[in-house]
Amino acid sequence: MRTTNSTVLAIVSVAALGITLGAAGEAHAGRGGSSQAIRLAINSGSVDAIQSELERAEFLVCGACTDMVKPLIDHNDQRVRQVAAWWLARRGVARQVRVQMLNRLSQSDSVAARNAADVLGEMHYVSSIPALGAALSNPIYSGEARAAMARALGTIGRQASVAPLTEALGADDAQVKAASLVALRSIAGLRDGTAVVPLLGDANEGVRAEAASTLGRFRSTAGTDALVSALRNDPSATVRSRAAWALGAVGANASAAGPALEAAAASDASPAVRSLAATALTRLSR
């Protein structure tokens, strides 16, 4: 059964909904399926139908299905590319597909490279990390393609991905920086947020928000002062919300973070910021 990694900073609870959806989606995962059902799903053009049928056909023995699924690695929807890669990774063609995708990373086509990154990430070959890391730093590719490289490195989730992802935090493109921050959160055991802290001052709101989330996930106190500054001064309610959450997540020192959190809990213009700040106050260290 296919699973994906996700990072959720909940402002409102969706746990009950998630359980309901999960129960419905998993009812027949990995069991059943047929070549006809896969063909009909592909012909329908429905992303949900394609995902459902390929997941249902996880263990289906069907040589003809492989020929139908392989073109989906160049589908215009990322979700289809990834589920196609997941399905192909369980077939005898997996190594052949991997070699083809690696070859794309030595060419100049950004769309083909983006698609290859999505496939390589979903296949989880650790040996793909060097090529993905090199492509991530290659300015010949578009920001979208390089963000896909970062996403793939995070999906593979090994320590060897840390160096290229950390280097990408200095990229010029906001997509690349934000994707690299998200990817770093997928790698177990990371605690050093030193390279992340400067991005709390980035010009791009999305990058600043992901930087705050990453420091919180790392439980890194290295960015306490910068998080406090973001909570007090950032014009974005999203960034302030993430900063408040992160200060609580890292268990920041009460003397350093308490005053800013108290002020935010009492008077921030955003209800979400006020709520998260109030919760964070209960998690500070003394």
C-alpha atoms as a PDB file:
ATOM      1  CA  MET A   1       0.000   0.000   0.000  1.00  0.00           C
ATOM      2  CA  ARG A   2       1.373   3.383  -1.007  1.00  0.00           C
ATOM      3  CA  THR A   3       2.138   5.951   1.684  1.00  0.00           C
ATOM      4  CA  THR A   4       3.537   9.454   1.394  1.00  0.00           C
ATOM      5  CA  ASN A   5       5.359  11.705   3.809  1.00  0.00           C
ATOM      6  CA  SER A   6       3.626  14.927   4.892  1.00  0.00           C
ATOM      7  CA  THR A   7       4.330  17.718   7.307  1.00  0.00           C
ATOM      8  CA  VAL A   8       1.326  19.261   8.978  1.00  0.00           C
ATOM      9  CA  LEU A   9       1.258  22.281  11.246  1.00  0.00           C
ATOM     10  CA  ALA A  10      -2.346  22.142  12.385  1.00  0.00           C
ATOM     11  CA  ILE A  11      -4.161  25.373  13.090  1.00  0.00           C
ATOM     12  CA  VAL A  12      -7.468  23.562  13.135  1.00  0.00           C
ATOM     13  CA  SER A  13      -7.916  19.855  13.812  1.00  0.00           C
ATOM     14  CA  VAL A  14      -8.724  17.608  10.866  1.00  0.00           C
ATOM     15  CA  ALA A  15      -7.963  14.347  12.618  1.00  0.00           C
ATOM     16  CA  ALA A  16     -11.470  12.958  12.388  1.00  0.00           C
ATOM     17  CA  LEU A  17     -11.689  13.779   8.686  1.00  0.00           C
ATOM     18  CA  GLY A  18      -8.307  12.217   8.040  1.00  0.00           C
ATOM     19  CA  ILE A  19      -9.347   8.981   9.709  1.00  0.00           C
ATOM     20  CA  THR A  20     -12.516   8.810   7.662  1.00  0.00           C
ATOM     21  CA  LEU A  21     -10.755   9.441   4.381  1.00  0.00           C
ATOM     22  CA  GLY A  22      -7.985   7.003   5.193  1.00  0.00           C
ATOM     23  CA  ALA A  23     -10.425   4.237   6.024  1.00  0.00           C
ATOM     24  CA  ALA A  24     -12.284   4.694   2.750  1.00  0.00           C
ATOM     25  CA  GLY A  25      -9.148   4.929   0.602  1.00  0.00           C
ATOM     26  CA  GLU A  26      -7.451   1.865   2.077  1.00  0.00           C
ATOM     27  CA  ALA A  27     -10.344  -0.555   1.809  1.00  0.00           C
ATOM     28  CA  HIS A  28      -9.026  -2.360  -1.277  1.00  0.00           C
ATOM     29  CA  ALA A  29      -5.473  -1.014  -1.507  1.00  0.00           C
ATOM     30  CA  GLY A  30      -3.048  -3.592  -2.873  1.00  0.00           C
ATOM     31  CA  ARG A  31      -5.761  -6.119  -3.692  1.00  0.00           C
ATOM     32  CA  GLY A  32      -7.562  -6.761  -6.947  1.00  0.00           C
ATOM     33  CA  GLY A  33      -7.230  -4.551  -9.973  1.00  0.00           C
ATOM     34  CA  SER A  34      -7.178  -5.478 -13.624  1.00  0.00           C
ATOM     35  CA  SER A  35      -5.691  -4.304 -16.885  1.00  0.00           C
ATOM     36  CA  GLN A  36      -9.099  -3.120 -18.022  1.00  0.00           C
ATOM     37  CA  ALA A  37      -9.628  -1.071 -14.865  1.00  0.00           C
ATOM     38  CA  ILE A  38      -6.197   0.544 -15.245  1.00  0.00           C
ATOM     39  CA  ARG A  39      -6.881   1.337 -18.898  1.00  0.00           C
ATOM     40  CA  LEU A  40     -10.250   2.887 -18.084  1.00  0.00           C
ATOM     41  CA  ALA A  41      -8.741   4.970 -15.287  1.00  0.00           C
ATOM     42  CA  ILE A  42      -5.974   6.284 -17.536  1.00  0.00           C
ATOM     43  CA  ASN A  43      -8.413   7.052 -20.327  1.00  0.00           C
ATOM     44  CA  SER A  44     -10.664   8.920 -17.914  1.00  0.00           C
ATOM     45  CA  GLY A  45      -7.925  11.450 -17.208  1.00  0.00           C
ATOM     46  CA  SER A  46      -8.955  11.494 -13.536  1.00  0.00           C
ATOM     47  CA  VAL A  47      -5.993  11.757 -11.177  1.00  0.00           C
ATOM     48  CA  ASP A  48      -7.983  10.179  -8.355  1.00  0.00           C
ATOM     49  CA  ALA A  49      -9.077   7.269 -10.540  1.00  0.00           C
ATOM     50  CA  ILE A  50      -5.521   6.599 -11.734  1.00  0.00           C
ATOM     51  CA  GLN A  51      -4.175   6.687  -8.189  1.00  0.00           C
ATOM     52  CA  SER A  52      -6.891   4.399  -6.893  1.00  0.00           C
ATOM     53  CA  GLU A  53      -6.516   1.806  -9.625  1.00  0.00           C
ATOM     54  CA  LEU A  54      -2.732   1.638  -9.468  1.00  0.00           C
ATOM     55  CA  GLU A  55      -2.833   1.285  -5.698  1.00  0.00           C
ATOM     56  CA  ARG A  56      -5.476  -1.422  -6.043  1.00  0.00           C
ATOM     57  CA  ALA A  57      -3.267  -3.195  -8.572  1.00  0.00           C
ATOM     58  CA  GLU A  58      -0.123  -3.129  -6.412  1.00  0.00           C
ATOM     59  CA  PHE A  59       0.361  -6.896  -6.701  1.00  0.00           C
ATOM     60  CA  LEU A  60      -1.318  -7.422 -10.067  1.00  0.00           C
ATOM     61  CA  VAL A  61       0.716  -9.577 -12.486  1.00  0.00           C
ATOM     62  CA  CYS A  62       0.181  -7.902 -15.841  1.00  0.00           C
ATOM     63  CA  GLY A  63       2.873  -7.341 -18.438  1.00  0.00           C
ATOM     64  CA  ALA A  64       0.580  -5.260 -20.629  1.00  0.00           C
ATOM     65  CA  CYS A  65      -0.155  -2.960 -17.697  1.00  0.00           C
ATOM     66  CA  THR A  66       3.506  -1.984 -17.511  1.00  0.00           C
ATOM     67  CA  ASP A  67       3.330  -0.599 -21.029  1.00  0.00           C
ATOM     68  CA  MET A  68       0.252   1.402 -20.067  1.00  0.00           C
ATOM     69  CA  VAL A  69       1.756   2.791 -16.880  1.00  0.00           C
ATOM     70  CA  LYS A  70       5.224   3.755 -18.099  1.00  0.00           C
ATOM     71  CA  PRO A  71       4.023   6.818 -20.073  1.00  0.00           C
ATOM     72  CA  LEU A  72       2.457   8.147 -16.880  1.00  0.00           C
ATOM     73  CA  ILE A  73       5.880   9.108 -15.572  1.00  0.00           C
ATOM     74  CA  ASP A  74       5.555  12.099 -17.895  1.00  0.00           C
ATOM     75  CA  HIS A  75       1.997  12.961 -16.878  1.00  0.00           C
ATOM     76  CA  ASN A  76       1.420  16.659 -16.231  1.00  0.00           C
ATOM     77  CA  ASP A  77       0.243  15.977 -12.666  1.00  0.00           C
ATOM     78  CA  GLN A  78       2.871  15.253 -10.028  1.00  0.00           C
ATOM     79  CA  ARG A  79       0.613  12.847  -8.163  1.00  0.00           C
ATOM     80  CA  VAL A  80       0.236  10.655 -11.223  1.00  0.00           C
ATOM     81  CA  ARG A  81       3.968  10.661 -11.900  1.00  0.00           C
ATOM     82  CA  GLN A  82       4.645   9.570  -8.355  1.00  0.00           C
ATOM     83  CA  VAL A  83       2.057   6.813  -8.158  1.00  0.00           C
ATOM     84  CA  ALA A  84       3.230   5.508 -11.538  1.00  0.00           C
ATOM     85  CA  ALA A  85       6.809   5.401 -10.230  1.00  0.00           C
ATOM     86  CA  TRP A  86       5.643   3.668  -7.057  1.00  0.00           C
ATOM     87  CA  TRP A  87       3.844   1.034  -9.131  1.00  0.00           C
ATOM     88  CA  LEU A  88       6.742   0.522 -11.553  1.00  0.00           C
ATOM     89  CA  ALA A  89       9.199   0.200  -8.659  1.00  0.00           C
ATOM     90  CA  ARG A  90       7.470  -3.091  -7.850  1.00  0.00           C
ATOM     91  CA  ARG A  91       8.024  -4.496 -11.339  1.00  0.00           C
ATOM     92  CA  GLY A  92      10.957  -5.999 -13.165  1.00  0.00           C
ATOM     93  CA  VAL A  93      11.428  -2.829 -15.186  1.00  0.00           C
ATOM     94  CA  ALA A  94      12.347  -0.774 -12.103  1.00  0.00           C
ATOM     95  CA  ARG A  95      16.098  -0.682 -12.709  1.00  0.00           C
ATOM     96  CA  GLN A  96      15.636   0.071 -16.396  1.00  0.00           C
ATOM     97  CA  VAL A  97      13.331   2.977 -15.578  1.00  0.00           C
ATOM     98  CA  ARG A  98      15.783   4.259 -12.977  1.00  0.00           C
ATOM     99  CA  VAL A  99      18.633   4.322 -15.524  1.00  0.00           C
ATOM    100  CA  GLN A 100      16.438   6.197 -17.987  1.00  0.00           C
ATOM    101  CA  MET A 101      15.564   8.777 -15.337  1.00  0.00           C
ATOM    102  CA  LEU A 102      19.191   9.235 -14.319  1.00  0.00           C
ATOM    103  CA  ASN A 103      20.094   9.848 -17.951  1.00  0.00           C
ATOM    104  CA  ARG A 104      17.572  12.679 -18.045  1.00  0.00           C
ATOM    105  CA  LEU A 105      19.455  14.422 -15.260  1.00  0.00           C
ATOM    106  CA  SER A 106      22.442  14.804 -17.569  1.00  0.00           C
ATOM    107  CA  GLN A 107      20.352  16.575 -20.221  1.00  0.00           C
ATOM    108  CA  SER A 108      19.010  20.109 -20.370  1.00  0.00           C
ATOM    109  CA  ASP A 109      15.240  19.559 -20.544  1.00  0.00           C
ATOM    110  CA  SER A 110      13.776  20.957 -17.311  1.00  0.00           C
ATOM    111  CA  VAL A 111      10.392  19.255 -17.697  1.00  0.00           C
ATOM    112  CA  ALA A 112      11.962  15.848 -18.336  1.00  0.00           C
ATOM    113  CA  ALA A 113      14.336  16.389 -15.405  1.00  0.00           C
ATOM    114  CA  ARG A 114      11.476  17.416 -13.119  1.00  0.00           C
ATOM    115  CA  ASN A 115       9.557  14.269 -14.025  1.00  0.00           C
ATOM    116  CA  ALA A 116      12.664  12.153 -13.555  1.00  0.00           C
ATOM    117  CA  ALA A 117      13.180  13.580 -10.081  1.00  0.00           C
ATOM    118  CA  ASP A 118       9.638  12.686  -9.064  1.00  0.00           C
ATOM    119  CA  VAL A 119      10.171   9.133 -10.297  1.00  0.00           C
ATOM    120  CA  LEU A 120      13.581   8.705  -8.667  1.00  0.00           C
ATOM    121  CA  GLY A 121      12.328   9.981  -5.350  1.00  0.00           C
ATOM    122  CA  GLU A 122       9.398   7.588  -5.329  1.00  0.00           C
ATOM    123  CA  MET A 123      11.677   4.672  -6.197  1.00  0.00           C
ATOM    124  CA  HIS A 124      13.841   5.374  -3.118  1.00  0.00           C
ATOM    125  CA  TYR A 125      17.182   4.274  -4.564  1.00  0.00           C
ATOM    126  CA  VAL A 126      19.881   5.688  -2.299  1.00  0.00           C
ATOM    127  CA  SER A 127      22.298   5.464  -5.210  1.00  0.00           C
ATOM    128  CA  SER A 128      20.258   8.162  -6.984  1.00  0.00           C
ATOM    129  CA  ILE A 129      21.232  10.786  -4.385  1.00  0.00           C
ATOM    130  CA  PRO A 130      24.487  11.999  -6.007  1.00  0.00           C
ATOM    131  CA  ALA A 131      22.806  12.624  -9.367  1.00  0.00           C
ATOM    132  CA  LEU A 132      19.836  14.362  -7.759  1.00  0.00           C
ATOM    133  CA  GLY A 133      22.152  16.486  -5.628  1.00  0.00           C
ATOM    134  CA  ALA A 134      24.172  17.553  -8.666  1.00  0.00           C
ATOM    135  CA  ALA A 135      21.001  18.404 -10.588  1.00  0.00           C
ATOM    136  CA  LEU A 136      19.679  20.393  -7.649  1.00  0.00           C
ATOM    137  CA  SER A 137      22.661  22.721  -7.877  1.00  0.00           C
ATOM    138  CA  ASN A 138      22.587  22.977 -11.675  1.00  0.00           C
ATOM    139  CA  PRO A 139      21.290  26.412 -12.790  1.00  0.00           C
ATOM    140  CA  ILE A 140      20.434  25.073 -16.234  1.00  0.00           C
ATOM    141  CA  TYR A 141      17.226  23.697 -14.755  1.00  0.00           C
ATOM    142  CA  SER A 142      14.142  25.713 -13.887  1.00  0.00           C
ATOM    143  CA  GLY A 143      13.217  26.472 -10.295  1.00  0.00           C
ATOM    144  CA  GLU A 144      10.337  24.020 -10.579  1.00  0.00           C
ATOM    145  CA  ALA A 145      12.666  21.244 -11.726  1.00  0.00           C
ATOM    146  CA  ARG A 146      15.197  21.942  -8.986  1.00  0.00           C
ATOM    147  CA  ALA A 147      12.416  22.007  -6.400  1.00  0.00           C
ATOM    148  CA  ALA A 148      11.488  18.530  -7.626  1.00  0.00           C
ATOM    149  CA  MET A 149      15.116  17.432  -7.084  1.00  0.00           C
ATOM    150  CA  ALA A 150      14.921  18.701  -3.519  1.00  0.00           C
ATOM    151  CA  ARG A 151      11.602  16.972  -2.978  1.00  0.00           C
ATOM    152  CA  ALA A 152      13.059  13.697  -4.271  1.00  0.00           C
ATOM    153  CA  LEU A 153      16.029  13.929  -1.927  1.00  0.00           C
ATOM    154  CA  GLY A 154      13.660  14.427   0.972  1.00  0.00           C
ATOM    155  CA  THR A 155      11.533  11.485  -0.113  1.00  0.00           C
ATOM    156  CA  ILE A 156      14.576   9.225  -0.192  1.00  0.00           C
ATOM    157  CA  GLY A 157      15.317  10.667   3.228  1.00  0.00           C
ATOM    158  CA  ARG A 158      18.926   9.658   3.894  1.00  0.00           C
ATOM    159  CA  GLN A 159      21.779  11.532   5.530  1.00  0.00           C
ATOM    160  CA  ALA A 160      23.578  11.747   2.189  1.00  0.00           C
ATOM    161  CA  SER A 161      20.848  14.162   1.075  1.00  0.00           C
ATOM    162  CA  VAL A 162      21.643  16.693   3.799  1.00  0.00           C
ATOM    163  CA  ALA A 163      24.670  18.317   2.151  1.00  0.00           C
ATOM    164  CA  PRO A 164      23.059  19.105  -1.232  1.00  0.00           C
ATOM    165  CA  LEU A 165      19.842  20.262   0.434  1.00  0.00           C
ATOM    166  CA  THR A 166      21.721  22.527   2.820  1.00  0.00           C
ATOM    167  CA  GLU A 167      23.711  23.995  -0.056  1.00  0.00           C
ATOM    168  CA  ALA A 168      20.434  24.674  -1.895  1.00  0.00           C
ATOM    169  CA  LEU A 169      19.276  26.919   0.950  1.00  0.00           C
ATOM    170  CA  GLY A 170      21.500  29.534  -0.634  1.00  0.00           C
ATOM    171  CA  ALA A 171      19.820  29.301  -4.043  1.00  0.00           C
ATOM    172  CA  ASP A 172      18.416  32.385  -5.747  1.00  0.00           C
ATOM    173  CA  ASP A 173      15.056  30.766  -6.447  1.00  0.00           C
ATOM    174  CA  ALA A 174      12.436  30.811  -3.667  1.00  0.00           C
ATOM    175  CA  GLN A 175      10.889  27.544  -4.897  1.00  0.00           C
ATOM    176  CA  VAL A 176      14.193  25.772  -4.473  1.00  0.00           C
ATOM    177  CA  LYS A 177      14.805  27.157  -0.997  1.00  0.00           C
ATOM    178  CA  ALA A 178      11.317  26.339   0.237  1.00  0.00           C
ATOM    179  CA  ALA A 179      11.401  22.825  -1.202  1.00  0.00           C
ATOM    180  CA  SER A 180      14.830  22.199   0.320  1.00  0.00           C
ATOM    181  CA  LEU A 181      13.590  23.269   3.745  1.00  0.00           C
ATOM    182  CA  VAL A 182      10.628  20.909   3.517  1.00  0.00           C
ATOM    183  CA  ALA A 183      12.909  18.104   2.330  1.00  0.00           C
ATOM    184  CA  LEU A 184      15.318  18.571   5.223  1.00  0.00           C
ATOM    185  CA  ARG A 185      12.436  18.018   7.633  1.00  0.00           C
ATOM    186  CA  SER A 186      11.976  14.552   6.134  1.00  0.00           C
ATOM    187  CA  ILE A 187      15.422  13.375   7.189  1.00  0.00           C
ATOM    188  CA  ALA A 188      15.470  11.752  10.598  1.00  0.00           C
ATOM    189  CA  GLY A 189      17.846  12.936  13.265  1.00  0.00           C
ATOM    190  CA  LEU A 190      18.564  16.469  12.053  1.00  0.00           C
ATOM    191  CA  ARG A 191      18.829  18.990  14.877  1.00  0.00           C
ATOM    192  CA  ASP A 192      21.238  21.682  13.691  1.00  0.00           C
ATOM    193  CA  GLY A 193      19.226  24.647  12.449  1.00  0.00           C
ATOM    194  CA  THR A 194      22.173  26.995  11.979  1.00  0.00           C
ATOM    195  CA  ALA A 195      21.876  27.078   8.187  1.00  0.00           C
ATOM    196  CA  VAL A 196      18.116  27.618   8.426  1.00  0.00           C
ATOM    197  CA  VAL A 197      18.083  30.660  10.703  1.00  0.00           C
ATOM    198  CA  PRO A 198      19.084  33.246   8.046  1.00  0.00           C
ATOM    199  CA  LEU A 199      16.075  32.263   5.936  1.00  0.00           C
ATOM    200  CA  LEU A 200      13.743  33.715   8.556  1.00  0.00           C
ATOM    201  CA  GLY A 201      14.772  37.028   6.995  1.00  0.00           C
ATOM    202  CA  ASP A 202      14.237  35.945   3.390  1.00  0.00           C
ATOM    203  CA  ALA A 203      12.302  38.250   1.076  1.00  0.00           C
ATOM    204  CA  ASN A 204       9.852  35.466   0.221  1.00  0.00           C
ATOM    205  CA  GLU A 205       7.007  34.780   2.665  1.00  0.00           C
ATOM    206  CA  GLY A 206       6.858  31.078   1.830  1.00  0.00           C
ATOM    207  CA  VAL A 207      10.559  30.627   2.511  1.00  0.00           C
ATOM    208  CA  ARG A 208      10.286  32.407   5.850  1.00  0.00           C
ATOM    209  CA  ALA A 209       7.336  30.244   6.845  1.00  0.00           C
ATOM    210  CA  GLU A 210       9.135  27.022   5.917  1.00  0.00           C
ATOM    211  CA  ALA A 211      12.233  28.178   7.802  1.00  0.00           C
ATOM    212  CA  ALA A 212      10.190  28.663  10.970  1.00  0.00           C
ATOM    213  CA  SER A 213       8.569  25.256  10.530  1.00  0.00           C
ATOM    214  CA  THR A 214      11.939  23.619   9.997  1.00  0.00           C
ATOM    215  CA  LEU A 215      13.439  25.107  13.153  1.00  0.00           C
ATOM    216  CA  GLY A 216      10.441  23.861  15.092  1.00  0.00           C
ATOM    217  CA  ARG A 217      10.692  20.393  13.610  1.00  0.00           C
ATOM    218  CA  PHE A 218      14.419  20.248  14.332  1.00  0.00           C
ATOM    219  CA  ARG A 219      13.715  21.297  17.942  1.00  0.00           C
ATOM    220  CA  SER A 220      16.570  23.723  17.346  1.00  0.00           C
ATOM    221  CA  THR A 221      16.985  26.547  19.848  1.00  0.00           C
ATOM    222  CA  ALA A 222      19.613  28.130  17.578  1.00  0.00           C
ATOM    223  CA  GLY A 223      16.952  30.306  16.027  1.00  0.00           C
ATOM    224  CA  THR A 224      15.129  31.453  19.161  1.00  0.00           C
ATOM    225  CA  ASP A 225      16.035  35.120  18.781  1.00  0.00           C
ATOM    226  CA  ALA A 226      15.162  35.118  15.083  1.00  0.00           C
ATOM    227  CA  LEU A 227      11.846  33.369  15.765  1.00  0.00           C
ATOM    228  CA  VAL A 228      11.000  35.936  18.429  1.00  0.00           C
ATOM    229  CA  SER A 229      11.793  38.700  15.956  1.00  0.00           C
ATOM    230  CA  ALA A 230       9.594  37.057  13.313  1.00  0.00           C
ATOM    231  CA  LEU A 231       6.746  36.722  15.789  1.00  0.00           C
ATOM    232  CA  ARG A 232       6.983  40.385  16.717  1.00  0.00           C
ATOM    233  CA  ASN A 233       7.664  41.929  13.338  1.00  0.00           C
ATOM    234  CA  ASP A 234       6.853  39.749  10.335  1.00  0.00           C
ATOM    235  CA  PRO A 235       4.012  41.211   8.248  1.00  0.00           C
ATOM    236  CA  SER A 236       2.745  37.735   7.366  1.00  0.00           C
ATOM    237  CA  ALA A 237       0.291  36.081   9.752  1.00  0.00           C
ATOM    238  CA  THR A 238       1.399  32.733   8.341  1.00  0.00           C
ATOM    239  CA  VAL A 239       5.011  33.380   9.297  1.00  0.00           C
ATOM    240  CA  ARG A 240       4.021  34.669  12.723  1.00  0.00           C
ATOM    241  CA  SER A 241       1.891  31.565  13.269  1.00  0.00           C
ATOM    242  CA  ARG A 242       4.755  29.271  12.336  1.00  0.00           C
ATOM    243  CA  ALA A 243       7.149  31.241  14.545  1.00  0.00           C
ATOM    244  CA  ALA A 244       4.807  30.962  17.529  1.00  0.00           C
ATOM    245  CA  TRP A 245       4.396  27.246  16.984  1.00  0.00           C
ATOM    246  CA  ALA A 246       8.153  26.754  16.578  1.00  0.00           C
ATOM    247  CA  LEU A 247       8.975  28.560  19.812  1.00  0.00           C
ATOM    248  CA  GLY A 248       6.728  26.156  21.650  1.00  0.00           C
ATOM    249  CA  ALA A 249       8.022  23.143  19.731  1.00  0.00           C
ATOM    250  CA  VAL A 250      11.645  23.856  20.613  1.00  0.00           C
ATOM    251  CA  GLY A 251      10.786  24.579  24.244  1.00  0.00           C
ATOM    252  CA  ALA A 252      12.398  27.993  24.041  1.00  0.00           C
ATOM    253  CA  ASN A 253      13.530  29.639  27.243  1.00  0.00           C
ATOM    254  CA  ALA A 254      10.698  31.528  28.912  1.00  0.00           C
ATOM    255  CA  SER A 255      12.790  34.614  29.543  1.00  0.00           C
ATOM    256  CA  ALA A 256      13.751  34.831  25.858  1.00  0.00           C
ATOM    257  CA  ALA A 257      10.441  33.965  24.213  1.00  0.00           C
ATOM    258  CA  GLY A 258       7.821  34.532  26.902  1.00  0.00           C
ATOM    259  CA  PRO A 259       7.253  38.287  26.476  1.00  0.00           C
ATOM    260  CA  ALA A 260       6.799  38.054  22.715  1.00  0.00           C
ATOM    261  CA  LEU A 261       4.453  35.097  23.011  1.00  0.00           C
ATOM    262  CA  GLU A 262       2.412  36.802  25.715  1.00  0.00           C
ATOM    263  CA  ALA A 263       2.067  39.912  23.561  1.00  0.00           C
ATOM    264  CA  ALA A 264       1.076  37.847  20.529  1.00  0.00           C
ATOM    265  CA  ALA A 265      -1.423  35.786  22.530  1.00  0.00           C
ATOM    266  CA  ALA A 266      -3.051  38.967  23.797  1.00  0.00           C
ATOM    267  CA  SER A 267      -3.092  41.259  20.817  1.00  0.00           C
ATOM    268  CA  ASP A 268      -1.945  39.807  17.488  1.00  0.00           C
ATOM    269  CA  ALA A 269      -4.354  40.684  14.687  1.00  0.00           C
ATOM    270  CA  SER A 270      -4.592  37.026  13.644  1.00  0.00           C
ATOM    271  CA  PRO A 271      -6.720  34.608  15.720  1.00  0.00           C
ATOM    272  CA  ALA A 272      -4.467  31.766  14.605  1.00  0.00           C
ATOM    273  CA  VAL A 273      -1.374  33.541  15.883  1.00  0.00           C
ATOM    274  CA  ARG A 274      -3.074  34.324  19.183  1.00  0.00           C
ATOM    275  CA  SER A 275      -4.107  30.697  19.635  1.00  0.00           C
ATOM    276  CA  LEU A 276      -0.725  29.222  18.748  1.00  0.00           C
ATOM    277  CA  ALA A 277       1.099  31.746  20.918  1.00  0.00           C
ATOM    278  CA  ALA A 278      -1.073  30.873  23.894  1.00  0.00           C
ATOM    279  CA  THR A 279      -0.350  27.181  23.386  1.00  0.00           C
ATOM    280  CA  ALA A 280       3.375  27.807  22.949  1.00  0.00           C
ATOM    281  CA  LEU A 281       3.508  29.621  26.290  1.00  0.00           C
ATOM    282  CA  THR A 282       2.656  26.355  28.027  1.00  0.00           C
ATOM    283  CA  ARG A 283       5.618  24.605  26.422  1.00  0.00           C
ATOM    284  CA  LEU A 284       8.469  26.971  27.258  1.00  0.00           C
ATOM    285  CA  SER A 285      11.396  25.889  29.388  1.00  0.00           C
ATOM    286  CA  ARG A 286      12.163  27.644  32.633  1.00  0.00           C
END
